[in-house]
Amino acid sequence: MCLKWHGLRALLTIPVNRALLTVTLKLTEEKWLPGLYGQDDADYRKRVSRCIPWPPRNI
């Protein structure tokens, strides 16, 4: 029983950590990058997904 609980708890931490990372990035880094890199950052965001390496988007 103990191993099942620890395994379940470990699986639940993955989506919680992902949500915390997404919120943190959106509130901090994504606000100052456009000011730092300008149009290059906007072009990069159109081409690349935030966290999951999906196949490249057609621009």
N, C-alpha and C. Protein backbone atom coordinates (compact mmCIF):
# COMPACT_ATOMS: atom_id res chain seq x y z
N MET A 1 0.82 -1.19 0.00
CA MET A 1 0.00 0.00 0.00
C MET A 1 0.86 1.25 0.00
N CYS A 2 1.95 1.23 0.75
CA CYS A 2 2.82 2.39 0.86
C CYS A 2 3.42 2.75 -0.50
N LEU A 3 3.85 1.75 -1.27
CA LEU A 3 4.43 2.01 -2.58
C LEU A 3 3.40 2.61 -3.54
N LYS A 4 2.16 2.14 -3.44
CA LYS A 4 1.12 2.69 -4.32
C LYS A 4 0.88 4.16 -4.00
N TRP A 5 0.86 4.52 -2.73
CA TRP A 5 0.61 5.91 -2.36
C TRP A 5 1.74 6.82 -2.84
N HIS A 6 2.98 6.38 -2.67
CA HIS A 6 4.11 7.20 -3.10
C HIS A 6 4.14 7.34 -4.62
N GLY A 7 3.79 6.29 -5.33
CA GLY A 7 3.74 6.37 -6.78
C GLY A 7 2.66 7.32 -7.25
N LEU A 8 1.50 7.28 -6.61
CA LEU A 8 0.40 8.18 -6.96
C LEU A 8 0.77 9.62 -6.65
N ARG A 9 1.38 9.83 -5.52
CA ARG A 9 1.79 11.18 -5.14
C ARG A 9 2.83 11.73 -6.13
N ALA A 10 3.74 10.88 -6.57
CA ALA A 10 4.74 11.31 -7.54
C ALA A 10 4.09 11.68 -8.87
N LEU A 11 3.10 10.91 -9.30
CA LEU A 11 2.40 11.22 -10.54
C LEU A 11 1.60 12.50 -10.46
N LEU A 12 1.07 12.80 -9.30
CA LEU A 12 0.29 14.02 -9.14
C LEU A 12 1.17 15.27 -9.12
N THR A 13 2.42 15.12 -8.74
CA THR A 13 3.29 16.30 -8.70
C THR A 13 3.66 16.78 -10.10
N ILE A 14 3.62 15.92 -11.10
CA ILE A 14 3.99 16.33 -12.46
C ILE A 14 3.06 17.42 -12.99
N PRO A 15 1.73 17.23 -13.00
CA PRO A 15 0.88 18.31 -13.51
C PRO A 15 0.90 19.56 -12.63
N VAL A 16 1.09 19.39 -11.33
CA VAL A 16 1.15 20.56 -10.45
C VAL A 16 2.41 21.38 -10.76
N ASN A 17 3.54 20.71 -10.92
CA ASN A 17 4.77 21.41 -11.25
C ASN A 17 4.67 22.08 -12.62
N ARG A 18 4.04 21.39 -13.57
CA ARG A 18 3.87 21.97 -14.91
C ARG A 18 3.02 23.24 -14.85
N ALA A 19 1.97 23.21 -14.08
CA ALA A 19 1.11 24.39 -13.95
C ALA A 19 1.86 25.54 -13.29
N LEU A 20 2.62 25.25 -12.24
CA LEU A 20 3.39 26.29 -11.56
C LEU A 20 4.44 26.90 -12.49
N LEU A 21 5.11 26.06 -13.27
CA LEU A 21 6.10 26.56 -14.21
C LEU A 21 5.47 27.45 -15.27
N THR A 22 4.32 27.02 -15.80
CA THR A 22 3.64 27.81 -16.83
C THR A 22 3.23 29.17 -16.30
N VAL A 23 2.64 29.20 -15.13
CA VAL A 23 2.21 30.48 -14.55
C VAL A 23 3.41 31.37 -14.27
N THR A 24 4.47 30.80 -13.72
CA THR A 24 5.66 31.58 -13.40
C THR A 24 6.27 32.18 -14.66
N LEU A 25 6.39 31.37 -15.72
CA LEU A 25 6.98 31.88 -16.96
C LEU A 25 6.12 32.97 -17.59
N LYS A 26 4.81 32.77 -17.58
CA LYS A 26 3.93 33.76 -18.19
C LYS A 26 3.95 35.08 -17.42
N LEU A 27 4.09 35.02 -16.12
CA LEU A 27 4.07 36.24 -15.31
C LEU A 27 5.41 36.97 -15.26
N THR A 28 6.50 36.27 -15.57
CA THR A 28 7.80 36.92 -15.46
C THR A 28 8.51 37.00 -16.80
N GLU A 29 9.04 35.88 -17.24
CA GLU A 29 9.92 35.87 -18.40
C GLU A 29 9.24 36.34 -19.67
N GLU A 30 8.00 35.94 -19.91
CA GLU A 30 7.33 36.31 -21.14
C GLU A 30 6.97 37.78 -21.20
N LYS A 31 7.07 38.49 -20.08
CA LYS A 31 6.81 39.92 -20.08
C LYS A 31 8.05 40.73 -20.47
N TRP A 32 9.24 40.28 -20.06
CA TRP A 32 10.41 41.09 -20.35
C TRP A 32 11.17 40.66 -21.60
N LEU A 33 10.93 39.47 -22.12
CA LEU A 33 11.63 39.04 -23.33
C LEU A 33 11.30 39.88 -24.56
N PRO A 34 10.03 40.25 -24.81
CA PRO A 34 9.78 41.10 -25.99
C PRO A 34 10.50 42.45 -25.91
N GLY A 35 10.61 43.02 -24.73
CA GLY A 35 11.33 44.28 -24.59
C GLY A 35 12.82 44.13 -24.83
N LEU A 36 13.33 42.95 -24.51
CA LEU A 36 14.76 42.70 -24.66
C LEU A 36 15.13 42.35 -26.10
N TYR A 37 14.29 41.52 -26.75
CA TYR A 37 14.63 41.01 -28.08
C TYR A 37 13.74 41.54 -29.20
N GLY A 38 12.64 42.19 -28.87
CA GLY A 38 11.79 42.83 -29.88
C GLY A 38 11.14 41.86 -30.85
N GLN A 39 11.25 42.16 -32.15
CA GLN A 39 10.59 41.38 -33.19
C GLN A 39 11.15 39.96 -33.29
N ASP A 40 12.42 39.78 -32.97
CA ASP A 40 13.00 38.43 -32.99
C ASP A 40 12.26 37.50 -32.02
N ASP A 41 11.91 38.02 -30.87
CA ASP A 41 11.18 37.22 -29.89
C ASP A 41 9.78 36.87 -30.40
N ALA A 42 9.11 37.82 -31.03
CA ALA A 42 7.77 37.56 -31.57
C ALA A 42 7.82 36.51 -32.67
N ASP A 43 8.83 36.59 -33.53
CA ASP A 43 8.98 35.58 -34.58
C ASP A 43 9.28 34.21 -34.00
N TYR A 44 10.11 34.18 -32.97
CA TYR A 44 10.46 32.92 -32.31
C TYR A 44 9.23 32.27 -31.67
N ARG A 45 8.40 33.06 -31.02
CA ARG A 45 7.18 32.53 -30.38
C ARG A 45 6.21 31.95 -31.39
N LYS A 46 6.19 32.51 -32.59
CA LYS A 46 5.31 31.97 -33.63
C LYS A 46 5.78 30.61 -34.11
N ARG A 47 7.09 30.39 -34.09
CA ARG A 47 7.65 29.14 -34.61
C ARG A 47 7.69 28.02 -33.58
N VAL A 48 7.85 28.35 -32.30
CA VAL A 48 8.17 27.36 -31.28
C VAL A 48 7.08 27.30 -30.23
N SER A 49 6.71 26.07 -29.80
CA SER A 49 5.76 25.94 -28.69
C SER A 49 6.49 26.21 -27.37
N ARG A 50 5.73 26.48 -26.33
CA ARG A 50 6.34 26.90 -25.07
C ARG A 50 7.09 25.76 -24.38
N CYS A 51 6.46 24.62 -24.18
CA CYS A 51 7.08 23.58 -23.37
C CYS A 51 7.22 22.23 -24.08
N ILE A 52 6.27 21.89 -24.91
CA ILE A 52 6.28 20.57 -25.54
C ILE A 52 6.88 20.69 -26.93
N PRO A 53 7.88 19.88 -27.25
CA PRO A 53 8.52 19.98 -28.57
C PRO A 53 7.66 19.37 -29.69
N TRP A 54 6.63 20.09 -30.10
CA TRP A 54 5.79 19.65 -31.21
C TRP A 54 6.55 19.83 -32.51
N PRO A 55 6.08 19.20 -33.58
CA PRO A 55 6.70 19.46 -34.89
C PRO A 55 6.56 20.95 -35.23
N PRO A 56 7.47 21.47 -36.04
CA PRO A 56 7.44 22.91 -36.36
C PRO A 56 6.12 23.33 -37.01
N ARG A 57 5.68 24.54 -36.67
CA ARG A 57 4.47 25.09 -37.26
C ARG A 57 4.81 25.71 -38.61
N ASN A 58 3.85 25.67 -39.51
CA ASN A 58 4.03 26.36 -40.78
C ASN A 58 3.74 27.83 -40.56
N ILE A 59 4.63 28.66 -41.01
CA ILE A 59 4.45 30.10 -40.82
C ILE A 59 3.87 30.70 -42.08
